[in-house]
Amino acid sequence: MRRFLLLILPAAALAFAACGDDNNGDDTSDGGPGDDGGLCLTCAQEGGPKPGCVGLGCKQVDCGDPNVKTTLTGTVYDPAGKVPVFNAIVYVTQDPDPKLPDITDGASCDRCDAKIQNAVVVTSTDTAGNFTLKDVPVVDNLPVVIQIGKWRRLIRIPTVQSCKSTTVDKTITRLPRNSTEGHIPRMAVTTGAADPLQCLLHKVGVDDSEFGVAGSNARIHLYQGGGFKAGATPTLASSKMDDNTAFPPATASGATRRS
């Protein structure tokens, strides 16, 4: 029994030290939730951060009623801000200044949520593009990530009202129009005479600056395709940028020059 007590007492002392008085009038140690939202398994008190919380997870608020939550609602749109997007993922990370993982260019077979890490709360949009995030952290300038496939955008919510529902301004809940707003997948598009597919991405709101040819920093690379007419030789559709840069041909040899 004496040996057992000798083992227990040091552990109890460590637990007490972790929650000891830091002379600032609170019961959290330096680096705990009371200071910077860090991990503290033993410092949770009634109405305080959840046990084991990390980062923004320590800023979630108990509203005292299971039917009342701090929520964010909104609608995710295409880059033009016109067409709602179904099944987009919307989430809040633990980190107040998220370092989002890189998205690799090129074909891949990943789950839609494969790149989501350390989410405090997460949801997805319905068929009308609407979302509701429940139990979100109560902080100013809250980071919210919107992602579908390899499209991703990080936005900031200026103010979150505790235990109330906040509607996010629809002008910011759209997919990125250019690379300064977020990540746009790299795509190759060939021109055509019957269906001008090169115009589709422009119509959904992608900026002109993201269109270019192979080797450029643009996210959408254009290639020269052919338009077929019955009984006639294939004719080429539009094949130049506005600055007269020619599109490479959409053939096996031409496509190998795609960056």
Protein backbone atom coordinates (compact mmCIF):
# COMPACT_ATOMS: atom_id res chain seq x y z
CA MET A 1 0.00 0.00 0.00
CA ARG A 2 2.85 2.43 0.80
CA ARG A 3 4.42 1.82 -2.59
CA PHE A 4 1.06 2.42 -4.27
CA LEU A 5 0.66 5.78 -2.50
CA LEU A 6 4.17 6.79 -3.50
CA LEU A 7 3.20 6.23 -7.14
CA ILE A 8 -0.12 8.08 -6.90
CA LEU A 9 1.04 11.20 -5.05
CA PRO A 10 3.53 12.45 -7.73
CA ALA A 11 0.81 12.06 -10.41
CA ALA A 12 -1.65 14.04 -8.30
CA ALA A 13 0.96 16.73 -7.76
CA LEU A 14 1.52 17.04 -11.52
CA ALA A 15 -2.21 17.37 -12.11
CA PHE A 16 -2.46 20.06 -9.47
CA ALA A 17 0.51 21.94 -10.96
CA ALA A 18 -1.10 21.88 -14.40
CA CYS A 19 -4.09 23.77 -13.01
CA GLY A 20 -2.22 25.86 -10.49
CA ASP A 21 -2.62 29.58 -9.93
CA ASP A 22 -0.49 31.56 -12.41
CA ASN A 23 -0.91 34.79 -10.42
CA ASN A 24 -3.16 36.24 -13.12
CA GLY A 25 -6.39 35.55 -11.30
CA ASP A 26 -7.34 32.44 -13.26
CA ASP A 27 -6.89 28.74 -12.74
CA THR A 28 -5.01 27.90 -15.94
CA SER A 29 -1.32 27.45 -16.45
CA ASP A 30 0.68 29.32 -19.06
CA GLY A 31 -0.20 27.92 -22.47
CA GLY A 32 -3.60 26.57 -21.33
CA PRO A 33 -7.00 27.45 -22.74
CA GLY A 34 -7.19 30.54 -20.56
CA ASP A 35 -4.17 31.97 -22.35
CA ASP A 36 -4.02 30.86 -25.98
CA GLY A 37 -6.53 28.05 -26.45
CA GLY A 38 -3.91 25.30 -26.11
CA LEU A 39 -4.49 21.74 -24.91
CA CYS A 40 -5.39 21.27 -21.23
CA LEU A 41 -6.98 18.00 -20.17
CA THR A 42 -7.40 18.90 -16.49
CA CYS A 43 -8.34 22.57 -16.45
CA ALA A 44 -11.92 22.39 -17.72
CA GLN A 45 -14.46 23.86 -15.30
CA GLU A 46 -18.22 24.29 -15.34
CA GLY A 47 -19.02 26.48 -18.35
CA GLY A 48 -15.39 26.51 -19.49
CA PRO A 49 -13.58 24.84 -22.40
CA LYS A 50 -14.31 21.21 -23.14
CA PRO A 51 -11.84 18.66 -21.72
CA GLY A 52 -9.15 17.90 -24.27
CA CYS A 53 -10.03 20.87 -26.48
CA VAL A 54 -7.41 22.30 -28.83
CA GLY A 55 -7.19 25.75 -30.42
CA LEU A 56 -10.54 27.07 -31.62
CA GLY A 57 -12.22 24.03 -30.11
CA CYS A 58 -11.71 25.78 -26.77
CA LYS A 59 -13.81 28.70 -28.02
CA GLN A 60 -17.00 26.68 -28.42
CA VAL A 61 -19.72 27.85 -26.06
CA ASP A 62 -22.17 25.80 -23.97
CA CYS A 63 -25.49 27.59 -24.43
CA GLY A 64 -27.10 25.77 -21.50
CA ASP A 65 -29.83 24.31 -23.71
CA PRO A 66 -29.19 21.32 -26.00
CA ASN A 67 -31.57 22.85 -28.54
CA VAL A 68 -29.63 26.12 -28.71
CA LYS A 69 -26.34 26.27 -30.62
CA THR A 70 -24.01 28.91 -32.00
CA THR A 71 -24.52 28.43 -35.74
CA LEU A 72 -23.39 29.77 -39.10
CA THR A 73 -25.68 29.50 -42.11
CA GLY A 74 -25.09 30.37 -45.74
CA THR A 75 -25.02 29.21 -49.35
CA VAL A 76 -22.04 28.16 -51.43
CA TYR A 77 -21.99 29.40 -55.01
CA ASP A 78 -19.91 28.96 -58.16
CA PRO A 79 -17.13 31.53 -58.75
CA ALA A 80 -19.61 33.89 -60.42
CA GLY A 81 -21.76 33.85 -57.28
CA LYS A 82 -24.85 32.77 -59.20
CA VAL A 83 -25.25 28.97 -59.19
CA PRO A 84 -25.52 27.13 -55.81
CA VAL A 85 -23.07 24.26 -55.34
CA PHE A 86 -24.27 20.91 -53.99
CA ASN A 87 -22.16 18.75 -51.67
CA ALA A 88 -19.45 21.32 -51.00
CA ILE A 89 -17.69 20.79 -47.67
CA VAL A 90 -17.69 23.67 -45.18
CA TYR A 91 -15.60 23.47 -42.00
CA VAL A 92 -13.74 25.31 -39.25
CA THR A 93 -10.21 24.20 -38.32
CA GLN A 94 -8.64 24.11 -34.87
CA ASP A 95 -6.01 26.62 -35.95
CA PRO A 96 -7.15 30.28 -35.93
CA ASP A 97 -4.57 30.89 -38.68
CA PRO A 98 -4.93 27.70 -40.76
CA LYS A 99 -2.03 26.26 -42.70
CA LEU A 100 -4.07 24.28 -45.19
CA PRO A 101 -2.46 21.18 -46.74
CA ASP A 102 -1.27 21.41 -50.32
CA ILE A 103 -3.55 20.16 -53.07
CA THR A 104 -1.62 18.17 -55.67
CA ASP A 105 -2.19 18.92 -59.34
CA GLY A 106 -3.06 16.12 -61.70
CA ALA A 107 -5.52 13.25 -61.70
CA SER A 108 -6.13 11.52 -58.39
CA CYS A 109 -8.75 9.35 -56.75
CA ASP A 110 -9.39 10.78 -53.30
CA ARG A 111 -12.34 11.07 -50.99
CA CYS A 112 -13.85 14.55 -51.08
CA ASP A 113 -12.88 15.04 -47.44
CA ALA A 114 -9.39 13.55 -47.76
CA LYS A 115 -7.65 16.91 -47.28
CA ILE A 116 -9.65 17.96 -44.22
CA GLN A 117 -7.54 17.92 -41.07
CA ASN A 118 -8.24 18.92 -37.47
CA ALA A 119 -11.74 20.22 -38.10
CA VAL A 120 -13.66 21.58 -35.10
CA VAL A 121 -17.00 21.45 -36.94
CA VAL A 122 -17.77 20.30 -40.47
CA THR A 123 -20.82 19.98 -42.72
CA SER A 124 -21.75 19.86 -46.41
CA THR A 125 -24.17 21.78 -48.59
CA ASP A 126 -27.57 20.45 -49.56
CA THR A 127 -29.08 20.35 -53.06
CA ALA A 128 -29.77 24.10 -52.85
CA GLY A 129 -26.18 24.85 -51.83
CA ASN A 130 -27.20 25.73 -48.26
CA PHE A 131 -25.19 24.81 -45.18
CA THR A 132 -25.52 25.06 -41.40
CA LEU A 133 -22.47 24.80 -39.16
CA LYS A 134 -23.47 24.09 -35.56
CA ASP A 135 -21.52 24.76 -32.36
CA VAL A 136 -18.97 26.99 -34.08
CA PRO A 137 -16.28 28.74 -31.99
CA VAL A 138 -17.20 32.22 -30.78
CA VAL A 139 -14.34 34.41 -32.01
CA ASP A 140 -13.96 37.39 -34.30
CA ASN A 141 -12.47 36.82 -37.73
CA LEU A 142 -13.41 33.13 -37.64
CA PRO A 143 -11.71 31.11 -40.42
CA VAL A 144 -14.08 28.98 -42.51
CA VAL A 145 -12.93 26.71 -45.35
CA ILE A 146 -15.11 25.95 -48.38
CA GLN A 147 -14.02 23.03 -50.55
CA ILE A 148 -15.30 20.78 -53.28
CA GLY A 149 -12.88 18.52 -55.10
CA LYS A 150 -9.77 20.60 -55.76
CA TRP A 151 -11.58 23.92 -55.48
CA ARG A 152 -10.89 25.48 -52.09
CA ARG A 153 -11.31 28.88 -50.47
CA LEU A 154 -10.59 30.19 -46.96
CA ILE A 155 -12.90 32.98 -45.83
CA ARG A 156 -13.18 34.97 -42.60
CA ILE A 157 -16.37 35.68 -40.65
CA PRO A 158 -15.98 39.09 -38.94
CA THR A 159 -18.26 38.38 -35.97
CA VAL A 160 -19.94 35.28 -34.55
CA GLN A 161 -22.84 35.81 -32.15
CA SER A 162 -22.80 33.45 -29.17
CA CYS A 163 -25.76 31.05 -28.98
CA LYS A 164 -27.38 32.67 -32.02
CA SER A 165 -27.51 31.99 -35.75
CA THR A 166 -25.31 34.15 -37.97
CA THR A 167 -25.96 34.30 -41.72
CA VAL A 168 -22.78 34.57 -43.76
CA ASP A 169 -22.70 37.21 -46.48
CA LYS A 170 -23.36 35.38 -49.77
CA THR A 171 -20.80 37.52 -51.59
CA ILE A 172 -17.97 35.65 -49.84
CA THR A 173 -19.33 32.09 -49.82
CA ARG A 174 -18.45 31.41 -53.44
CA LEU A 175 -15.65 29.37 -54.97
CA PRO A 176 -12.47 31.26 -55.93
CA ARG A 177 -12.37 33.26 -59.14
CA ASN A 178 -8.58 33.38 -59.23
CA SER A 179 -5.56 31.97 -57.44
CA THR A 180 -5.34 34.90 -55.03
CA GLU A 181 -8.72 33.90 -53.57
CA GLY A 182 -8.01 30.21 -53.19
CA HIS A 183 -7.06 27.02 -54.98
CA ILE A 184 -8.36 26.31 -58.49
CA PRO A 185 -7.66 22.88 -60.02
CA ARG A 186 -5.39 22.88 -63.05
CA MET A 187 -7.36 21.91 -66.13
CA ALA A 188 -6.79 21.42 -69.85
CA VAL A 189 -9.57 22.50 -72.21
CA THR A 190 -9.67 21.99 -75.97
CA THR A 191 -11.55 24.33 -78.26
CA GLY A 192 -14.36 23.06 -80.46
CA ALA A 193 -16.58 24.32 -83.26
CA ALA A 194 -19.90 22.84 -82.09
CA ASP A 195 -19.50 23.30 -78.32
CA PRO A 196 -17.19 26.15 -77.24
CA LEU A 197 -16.14 24.46 -73.98
CA GLN A 198 -13.38 27.04 -73.57
CA CYS A 199 -16.13 29.53 -72.70
CA LEU A 200 -17.80 27.42 -70.00
CA LEU A 201 -15.35 28.09 -67.18
CA HIS A 202 -15.33 31.77 -68.06
CA LYS A 203 -19.13 31.86 -67.79
CA VAL A 204 -19.08 30.29 -64.31
CA GLY A 205 -16.90 33.13 -63.11
CA VAL A 206 -13.23 32.20 -63.47
CA ASP A 207 -11.14 35.32 -64.13
CA ASP A 208 -9.45 35.90 -67.49
CA SER A 209 -6.09 35.84 -65.71
CA GLU A 210 -6.50 32.11 -65.07
CA PHE A 211 -6.67 31.20 -68.79
CA GLY A 212 -3.43 30.56 -70.66
CA VAL A 213 -1.39 28.00 -72.58
CA ALA A 214 0.84 25.15 -71.47
CA GLY A 215 3.85 26.39 -69.52
CA SER A 216 2.10 29.44 -68.11
CA ASN A 217 1.06 29.99 -64.50
CA ALA A 218 -2.59 29.99 -65.52
CA ARG A 219 -4.76 27.27 -64.01
CA ILE A 220 -6.71 26.61 -67.22
CA HIS A 221 -4.59 25.63 -70.23
CA LEU A 222 -6.19 25.94 -73.65
CA TYR A 223 -5.51 23.66 -76.62
CA GLN A 224 -6.47 23.92 -80.27
CA GLY A 225 -9.17 21.42 -81.16
CA GLY A 226 -11.10 20.59 -84.31
CA GLY A 227 -14.71 21.13 -85.32
CA PHE A 228 -16.17 18.32 -87.42
CA LYS A 229 -18.74 18.84 -90.17
CA ALA A 230 -20.45 16.03 -92.06
CA GLY A 231 -18.57 15.23 -95.26
CA ALA A 232 -16.02 17.98 -94.73
CA THR A 233 -12.43 18.22 -93.59
CA PRO A 234 -12.14 19.09 -89.87
CA THR A 235 -11.76 22.81 -89.31
CA LEU A 236 -10.00 24.46 -86.42
CA ALA A 237 -11.88 26.61 -83.96
CA SER A 238 -10.45 29.69 -82.23
CA SER A 239 -6.77 29.00 -81.58
CA LYS A 240 -5.18 32.13 -80.05
CA MET A 241 -5.15 34.08 -76.83
CA ASP A 242 -6.05 37.78 -76.91
CA ASP A 243 -2.32 38.56 -77.14
CA ASN A 244 -2.10 36.30 -80.24
CA THR A 245 -0.33 33.50 -78.37
CA ALA A 246 -1.23 30.33 -80.28
CA PHE A 247 -2.83 27.37 -78.52
CA PRO A 248 -0.84 24.14 -78.83
CA PRO A 249 -2.72 21.43 -80.77
CA ALA A 250 -4.93 19.04 -78.81
CA THR A 251 -3.14 15.96 -80.13
CA ALA A 252 -0.99 13.34 -78.46
CA SER A 253 2.16 15.23 -79.43
CA GLY A 254 0.77 18.63 -78.58
CA ALA A 255 -0.67 17.57 -75.25
CA THR A 256 2.71 16.31 -74.07
CA ARG A 257 3.79 19.94 -73.81
CA ARG A 258 1.19 20.57 -71.13
CA SER A 259 2.84 21.60 -67.85
